[in-house]
């Protein structure tokens, strides 16, 4: 989540210099790669050890609270995708960012209701 916020802040910083957009894009790609790797690890944990994972979600409050982290991290990716690709590659990519935003809204609602179900 932090790398996504840093990428967005660098992209929107009012004091721009020539290489700042490149730096923000590099941090955005780092954020995207970290998200894919960590989401893969989280999904593998749920697939390989479902009973232990769901037991921890029901008993350990820190595990339950961390279920919102992938959604927030995905929202930082969506925001930077809309800003970067919408400006660089045209209106169609801005629409793509908008569609990603609606997908993240669905994931947010699923997380909220899933948290109440697991608790």
N, C-alpha and C. Protein backbone atom coordinates (compact mmCIF):
# COMPACT_ATOMS: atom_id res chain seq x y z
N UNK A 1 0.83 -1.18 0.00
CA UNK A 1 0.00 0.00 0.00
C UNK A 1 0.87 1.25 0.00
N UNK A 2 1.97 1.22 0.76
CA UNK A 2 2.81 2.41 0.86
C UNK A 2 3.50 2.75 -0.46
N UNK A 3 3.94 1.75 -1.19
CA UNK A 3 4.58 2.05 -2.47
C UNK A 3 3.58 2.64 -3.46
N UNK A 4 2.33 2.21 -3.38
CA UNK A 4 1.30 2.79 -4.24
C UNK A 4 1.02 4.24 -3.90
N UNK A 5 0.95 4.54 -2.61
CA UNK A 5 0.72 5.92 -2.19
C UNK A 5 1.91 6.81 -2.57
N UNK A 6 3.11 6.29 -2.42
CA UNK A 6 4.30 7.07 -2.80
C UNK A 6 4.29 7.35 -4.30
N UNK A 7 3.92 6.35 -5.10
CA UNK A 7 3.85 6.56 -6.56
C UNK A 7 2.81 7.62 -6.91
N UNK A 8 1.64 7.58 -6.24
CA UNK A 8 0.59 8.57 -6.50
C UNK A 8 1.05 9.95 -6.07
N UNK A 9 1.67 10.05 -4.91
CA UNK A 9 2.15 11.35 -4.43
C UNK A 9 3.21 11.94 -5.34
N UNK A 10 4.14 11.12 -5.80
CA UNK A 10 5.16 11.62 -6.72
C UNK A 10 4.55 12.05 -8.05
N UNK A 11 3.53 11.34 -8.49
CA UNK A 11 2.87 11.70 -9.75
C UNK A 11 2.11 13.01 -9.63
N UNK A 12 1.51 13.27 -8.47
CA UNK A 12 0.67 14.45 -8.28
C UNK A 12 1.41 15.60 -7.61
N UNK A 13 2.67 15.46 -7.31
CA UNK A 13 3.45 16.49 -6.62
C UNK A 13 3.44 17.79 -7.43
N UNK A 14 3.15 18.92 -6.78
CA UNK A 14 3.10 20.17 -7.55
C UNK A 14 4.48 20.65 -8.01
N UNK A 15 5.54 20.19 -7.38
CA UNK A 15 6.89 20.60 -7.75
C UNK A 15 7.51 19.53 -8.64
N UNK A 16 7.17 19.57 -9.90
CA UNK A 16 7.62 18.55 -10.85
C UNK A 16 8.98 18.92 -11.44
N UNK A 17 9.78 17.90 -11.67
CA UNK A 17 10.99 18.07 -12.47
C UNK A 17 10.97 16.99 -13.54
N UNK A 18 11.94 16.99 -14.42
CA UNK A 18 11.87 16.18 -15.62
C UNK A 18 11.80 14.67 -15.37
N UNK A 19 12.48 14.16 -14.39
CA UNK A 19 12.52 12.72 -14.18
C UNK A 19 11.52 12.20 -13.16
N UNK A 20 10.71 13.10 -12.59
CA UNK A 20 9.80 12.68 -11.53
C UNK A 20 8.72 11.74 -12.03
N UNK A 21 8.24 11.95 -13.23
CA UNK A 21 7.22 11.04 -13.76
C UNK A 21 7.80 9.65 -14.01
N UNK A 22 9.04 9.58 -14.39
CA UNK A 22 9.70 8.29 -14.59
C UNK A 22 9.88 7.58 -13.25
N UNK A 23 10.27 8.33 -12.22
CA UNK A 23 10.44 7.75 -10.88
C UNK A 23 9.10 7.23 -10.37
N UNK A 24 8.03 8.00 -10.55
CA UNK A 24 6.73 7.55 -10.08
C UNK A 24 6.26 6.32 -10.85
N UNK A 25 6.58 6.23 -12.13
CA UNK A 25 6.21 5.05 -12.91
C UNK A 25 6.99 3.83 -12.47
N UNK A 26 8.26 3.99 -12.14
CA UNK A 26 9.08 2.88 -11.65
C UNK A 26 8.53 2.37 -10.31
N UNK A 27 8.17 3.29 -9.43
CA UNK A 27 7.61 2.89 -8.14
C UNK A 27 6.24 2.24 -8.34
N UNK A 28 5.48 2.70 -9.32
CA UNK A 28 4.20 2.07 -9.64
C UNK A 28 4.40 0.63 -10.11
N UNK A 29 5.38 0.40 -10.95
CA UNK A 29 5.66 -0.97 -11.42
C UNK A 29 6.14 -1.83 -10.26
N UNK A 30 6.94 -1.27 -9.36
CA UNK A 30 7.35 -1.99 -8.15
C UNK A 30 6.13 -2.35 -7.32
N UNK A 31 5.20 -1.42 -7.16
CA UNK A 31 3.97 -1.67 -6.41
C UNK A 31 3.16 -2.78 -7.07
N UNK A 32 3.04 -2.74 -8.37
CA UNK A 32 2.29 -3.76 -9.09
C UNK A 32 2.93 -5.14 -8.93
N UNK A 33 4.24 -5.21 -9.02
CA UNK A 33 4.90 -6.51 -8.88
C UNK A 33 4.81 -7.03 -7.44
N UNK A 34 4.97 -6.15 -6.45
CA UNK A 34 4.81 -6.58 -5.06
C UNK A 34 3.39 -7.06 -4.79
N UNK A 35 2.41 -6.39 -5.36
CA UNK A 35 1.02 -6.80 -5.18
C UNK A 35 0.77 -8.19 -5.74
N UNK A 36 1.28 -8.44 -6.93
CA UNK A 36 1.07 -9.75 -7.56
C UNK A 36 1.75 -10.85 -6.75
N UNK A 37 2.97 -10.63 -6.30
CA UNK A 37 3.69 -11.64 -5.53
C UNK A 37 3.00 -11.91 -4.19
N UNK A 38 2.67 -10.86 -3.45
CA UNK A 38 2.07 -11.04 -2.13
C UNK A 38 0.65 -11.58 -2.22
N UNK A 39 -0.10 -11.19 -3.25
CA UNK A 39 -1.43 -11.77 -3.43
C UNK A 39 -1.33 -13.25 -3.80
N UNK A 40 -0.31 -13.62 -4.55
CA UNK A 40 -0.09 -15.02 -4.85
C UNK A 40 0.24 -15.84 -3.61
N UNK A 41 1.05 -15.27 -2.72
CA UNK A 41 1.38 -15.95 -1.46
C UNK A 41 0.13 -16.09 -0.60
N UNK A 42 -0.66 -15.03 -0.51
CA UNK A 42 -1.89 -15.07 0.29
C UNK A 42 -2.88 -16.09 -0.27
N UNK A 43 -3.02 -16.11 -1.58
CA UNK A 43 -3.94 -17.06 -2.21
C UNK A 43 -3.43 -18.50 -2.03
N UNK A 44 -2.13 -18.71 -2.14
CA UNK A 44 -1.57 -20.05 -1.93
C UNK A 44 -1.82 -20.52 -0.51
N UNK A 45 -1.72 -19.61 0.44
CA UNK A 45 -2.01 -19.97 1.83
C UNK A 45 -3.46 -20.40 1.99
N UNK A 46 -4.37 -19.66 1.36
CA UNK A 46 -5.78 -20.02 1.46
C UNK A 46 -6.09 -21.35 0.76
N UNK A 47 -5.40 -21.63 -0.32
CA UNK A 47 -5.66 -22.87 -1.06
C UNK A 47 -5.01 -24.08 -0.37
N UNK A 48 -3.76 -23.91 0.09
CA UNK A 48 -3.04 -25.04 0.67
C UNK A 48 -3.50 -25.37 2.10
N UNK A 49 -3.81 -24.34 2.87
CA UNK A 49 -4.20 -24.54 4.27
C UNK A 49 -5.50 -23.80 4.59
N UNK A 50 -6.61 -24.20 3.98
CA UNK A 50 -7.84 -23.42 4.18
C UNK A 50 -8.39 -23.51 5.61
N UNK A 51 -8.31 -24.66 6.22
CA UNK A 51 -8.86 -24.81 7.57
C UNK A 51 -8.11 -23.94 8.58
N UNK A 52 -6.78 -23.97 8.53
CA UNK A 52 -6.00 -23.16 9.46
C UNK A 52 -6.18 -21.67 9.20
N UNK A 53 -6.25 -21.31 7.92
CA UNK A 53 -6.39 -19.88 7.58
C UNK A 53 -7.73 -19.34 8.07
N UNK A 54 -8.81 -20.06 7.81
CA UNK A 54 -10.11 -19.56 8.24
C UNK A 54 -10.29 -19.64 9.75
N UNK A 55 -9.60 -20.59 10.38
CA UNK A 55 -9.62 -20.64 11.85
C UNK A 55 -8.94 -19.40 12.43
N UNK A 56 -7.81 -19.02 11.81
CA UNK A 56 -7.13 -17.80 12.28
C UNK A 56 -7.95 -16.56 12.03
N UNK A 57 -8.67 -16.51 10.91
CA UNK A 57 -9.52 -15.36 10.63
C UNK A 57 -10.61 -15.23 11.69
N UNK A 58 -11.08 -16.36 12.20
CA UNK A 58 -12.14 -16.32 13.20
C UNK A 58 -11.67 -16.08 14.61
N UNK A 59 -10.38 -16.35 14.90
CA UNK A 59 -9.91 -16.24 16.28
C UNK A 59 -8.91 -15.12 16.51
N UNK A 60 -8.09 -14.79 15.54
CA UNK A 60 -7.06 -13.75 15.71
C UNK A 60 -7.54 -12.48 15.02
N UNK A 61 -7.72 -11.43 15.81
CA UNK A 61 -8.29 -10.18 15.27
C UNK A 61 -7.34 -9.51 14.28
N UNK A 62 -6.04 -9.67 14.44
CA UNK A 62 -5.09 -9.08 13.50
C UNK A 62 -5.20 -9.72 12.12
N UNK A 63 -5.43 -11.02 12.09
CA UNK A 63 -5.61 -11.71 10.81
C UNK A 63 -6.88 -11.22 10.11
N UNK A 64 -7.92 -11.04 10.89
CA UNK A 64 -9.19 -10.58 10.32
C UNK A 64 -9.07 -9.15 9.82
N UNK A 65 -8.36 -8.32 10.56
CA UNK A 65 -8.20 -6.93 10.15
C UNK A 65 -7.34 -6.79 8.89
N UNK A 66 -6.46 -7.75 8.66
CA UNK A 66 -5.58 -7.64 7.50
C UNK A 66 -6.26 -8.06 6.20
N UNK A 67 -7.51 -8.50 6.26
CA UNK A 67 -8.21 -8.87 5.03
C UNK A 67 -8.49 -7.67 4.13
N UNK A 68 -8.50 -6.48 4.69
CA UNK A 68 -8.75 -5.29 3.89
C UNK A 68 -7.50 -4.80 3.17
N UNK A 69 -6.34 -5.28 3.53
CA UNK A 69 -5.09 -4.80 2.93
C UNK A 69 -5.00 -5.04 1.42
N UNK A 70 -5.36 -6.23 0.91
CA UNK A 70 -5.29 -6.39 -0.55
C UNK A 70 -6.23 -5.46 -1.30
N UNK A 71 -7.37 -5.15 -0.72
CA UNK A 71 -8.32 -4.25 -1.38
C UNK A 71 -7.75 -2.84 -1.46
N UNK A 72 -7.16 -2.37 -0.37
CA UNK A 72 -6.58 -1.03 -0.36
C UNK A 72 -5.38 -0.96 -1.29
N UNK A 73 -4.56 -2.00 -1.29
CA UNK A 73 -3.42 -2.02 -2.20
C UNK A 73 -3.89 -2.02 -3.66
N UNK A 74 -4.96 -2.76 -3.96
CA UNK A 74 -5.51 -2.77 -5.31
C UNK A 74 -6.04 -1.38 -5.69
N UNK A 75 -6.61 -0.67 -4.73
CA UNK A 75 -7.11 0.68 -5.01
C UNK A 75 -5.98 1.64 -5.35
N UNK A 76 -4.82 1.49 -4.73
CA UNK A 76 -3.68 2.35 -5.10
C UNK A 76 -3.22 2.03 -6.52
N UNK A 77 -3.27 0.76 -6.88
CA UNK A 77 -2.91 0.38 -8.25
C UNK A 77 -3.92 0.94 -9.24
N UNK A 78 -5.19 0.88 -8.89
CA UNK A 78 -6.24 1.40 -9.78
C UNK A 78 -6.07 2.90 -9.97
N UNK A 79 -5.83 3.63 -8.89
CA UNK A 79 -5.67 5.08 -8.99
C UNK A 79 -4.49 5.46 -9.86
N UNK A 80 -3.37 4.81 -9.65
CA UNK A 80 -2.19 5.14 -10.46
C UNK A 80 -2.36 4.68 -11.90
N UNK A 81 -3.06 3.58 -12.12
CA UNK A 81 -3.32 3.13 -13.48
C UNK A 81 -4.16 4.16 -14.23
N UNK A 82 -5.19 4.66 -13.58
CA UNK A 82 -6.05 5.65 -14.23
C UNK A 82 -5.28 6.93 -14.54
N UNK A 83 -4.43 7.36 -13.62
CA UNK A 83 -3.68 8.60 -13.85
C UNK A 83 -2.59 8.43 -14.90
N UNK A 84 -1.84 7.34 -14.82
CA UNK A 84 -0.70 7.16 -15.72
C UNK A 84 -1.14 6.79 -17.13
N UNK A 85 -1.94 5.74 -17.26
CA UNK A 85 -2.30 5.29 -18.60
C UNK A 85 -3.33 6.20 -19.25
N UNK A 86 -4.19 6.82 -18.45
CA UNK A 86 -5.18 7.72 -19.02
C UNK A 86 -4.54 8.93 -19.66
N UNK A 87 -3.48 9.42 -19.05
CA UNK A 87 -2.78 10.58 -19.61
C UNK A 87 -1.88 10.19 -20.78
N UNK A 88 -1.25 9.04 -20.67
CA UNK A 88 -0.25 8.66 -21.68
C UNK A 88 -0.86 8.01 -22.91
N UNK A 89 -1.89 7.15 -22.73
CA UNK A 89 -2.36 6.34 -23.84
C UNK A 89 -3.77 6.66 -24.28
N UNK A 90 -4.41 7.64 -23.69
CA UNK A 90 -5.68 8.07 -24.21
C UNK A 90 -6.89 7.70 -23.36
N UNK A 91 -8.04 8.07 -23.91
CA UNK A 91 -9.31 7.98 -23.19
C UNK A 91 -9.73 6.54 -22.88
N UNK A 92 -9.41 5.61 -23.74
CA UNK A 92 -9.79 4.21 -23.53
C UNK A 92 -9.18 3.63 -22.27
N UNK A 93 -7.96 4.01 -21.99
CA UNK A 93 -7.30 3.52 -20.78
C UNK A 93 -7.85 4.19 -19.53
N UNK A 94 -8.33 5.41 -19.66
CA UNK A 94 -9.01 6.04 -18.52
C UNK A 94 -10.31 5.30 -18.21
N UNK A 95 -11.01 4.86 -19.23
CA UNK A 95 -12.21 4.03 -19.04
C UNK A 95 -11.83 2.71 -18.37
N UNK A 96 -10.70 2.13 -18.77
CA UNK A 96 -10.21 0.91 -18.15
C UNK A 96 -9.96 1.13 -16.65
N UNK A 97 -9.39 2.26 -16.29
CA UNK A 97 -9.20 2.59 -14.88
C UNK A 97 -10.53 2.72 -14.15
N UNK A 98 -11.52 3.26 -14.82
CA UNK A 98 -12.85 3.40 -14.23
C UNK A 98 -13.47 2.03 -13.98
N UNK A 99 -13.32 1.12 -14.92
CA UNK A 99 -13.83 -0.25 -14.75
C UNK A 99 -13.11 -0.93 -13.60
N UNK A 100 -11.81 -0.74 -13.50
CA UNK A 100 -11.05 -1.30 -12.38
C UNK A 100 -11.54 -0.73 -11.05
N UNK A 101 -11.95 0.53 -11.05
CA UNK A 101 -12.46 1.13 -9.82
C UNK A 101 -13.74 0.43 -9.38
N UNK A 102 -14.62 0.12 -10.32
CA UNK A 102 -15.85 -0.58 -9.97
C UNK A 102 -15.57 -1.99 -9.49
N UNK A 103 -14.58 -2.64 -10.06
CA UNK A 103 -14.18 -3.97 -9.57
C UNK A 103 -13.68 -3.87 -8.14
N UNK A 104 -12.89 -2.85 -7.86
CA UNK A 104 -12.39 -2.68 -6.49
C UNK A 104 -13.52 -2.33 -5.52
N UNK A 105 -14.53 -1.62 -5.99
CA UNK A 105 -15.69 -1.34 -5.14
C UNK A 105 -16.42 -2.63 -4.78
N UNK A 106 -16.54 -3.53 -5.76
CA UNK A 106 -17.14 -4.84 -5.49
C UNK A 106 -16.30 -5.62 -4.48
N UNK A 107 -14.97 -5.63 -4.66
CA UNK A 107 -14.10 -6.32 -3.71
C UNK A 107 -14.19 -5.71 -2.31
N UNK A 108 -14.35 -4.40 -2.23
CA UNK A 108 -14.49 -3.74 -0.92
C UNK A 108 -15.76 -4.21 -0.22
N UNK A 109 -16.86 -4.24 -0.94
CA UNK A 109 -18.11 -4.72 -0.35
C UNK A 109 -18.02 -6.19 0.04
N UNK A 110 -17.39 -6.99 -0.79
CA UNK A 110 -17.23 -8.41 -0.47
C UNK A 110 -16.37 -8.58 0.78
N UNK A 111 -15.36 -7.74 0.94
CA UNK A 111 -14.52 -7.81 2.13
C UNK A 111 -15.28 -7.40 3.37
N UNK A 112 -16.09 -6.37 3.27
CA UNK A 112 -16.87 -5.92 4.42
C UNK A 112 -17.85 -7.00 4.87
N UNK A 113 -18.60 -7.56 3.94
CA UNK A 113 -19.56 -8.58 4.31
C UNK A 113 -18.89 -9.89 4.69
N UNK A 114 -17.76 -10.21 4.05
CA UNK A 114 -17.03 -11.40 4.41
C UNK A 114 -16.43 -11.33 5.80
N UNK A 115 -16.00 -10.12 6.19
CA UNK A 115 -15.46 -9.94 7.53
C UNK A 115 -16.52 -10.20 8.59
N UNK A 116 -17.73 -9.72 8.36
CA UNK A 116 -18.80 -9.98 9.32
C UNK A 116 -19.17 -11.46 9.35
N UNK A 117 -19.06 -12.12 8.22
CA UNK A 117 -19.37 -13.55 8.17
C UNK A 117 -18.32 -14.37 8.94
N UNK A 118 -17.04 -13.96 8.81
CA UNK A 118 -15.96 -14.71 9.47
C UNK A 118 -15.85 -14.41 10.95
N UNK A 119 -16.29 -13.25 11.36
CA UNK A 119 -16.12 -12.85 12.77
C UNK A 119 -17.06 -13.51 13.70
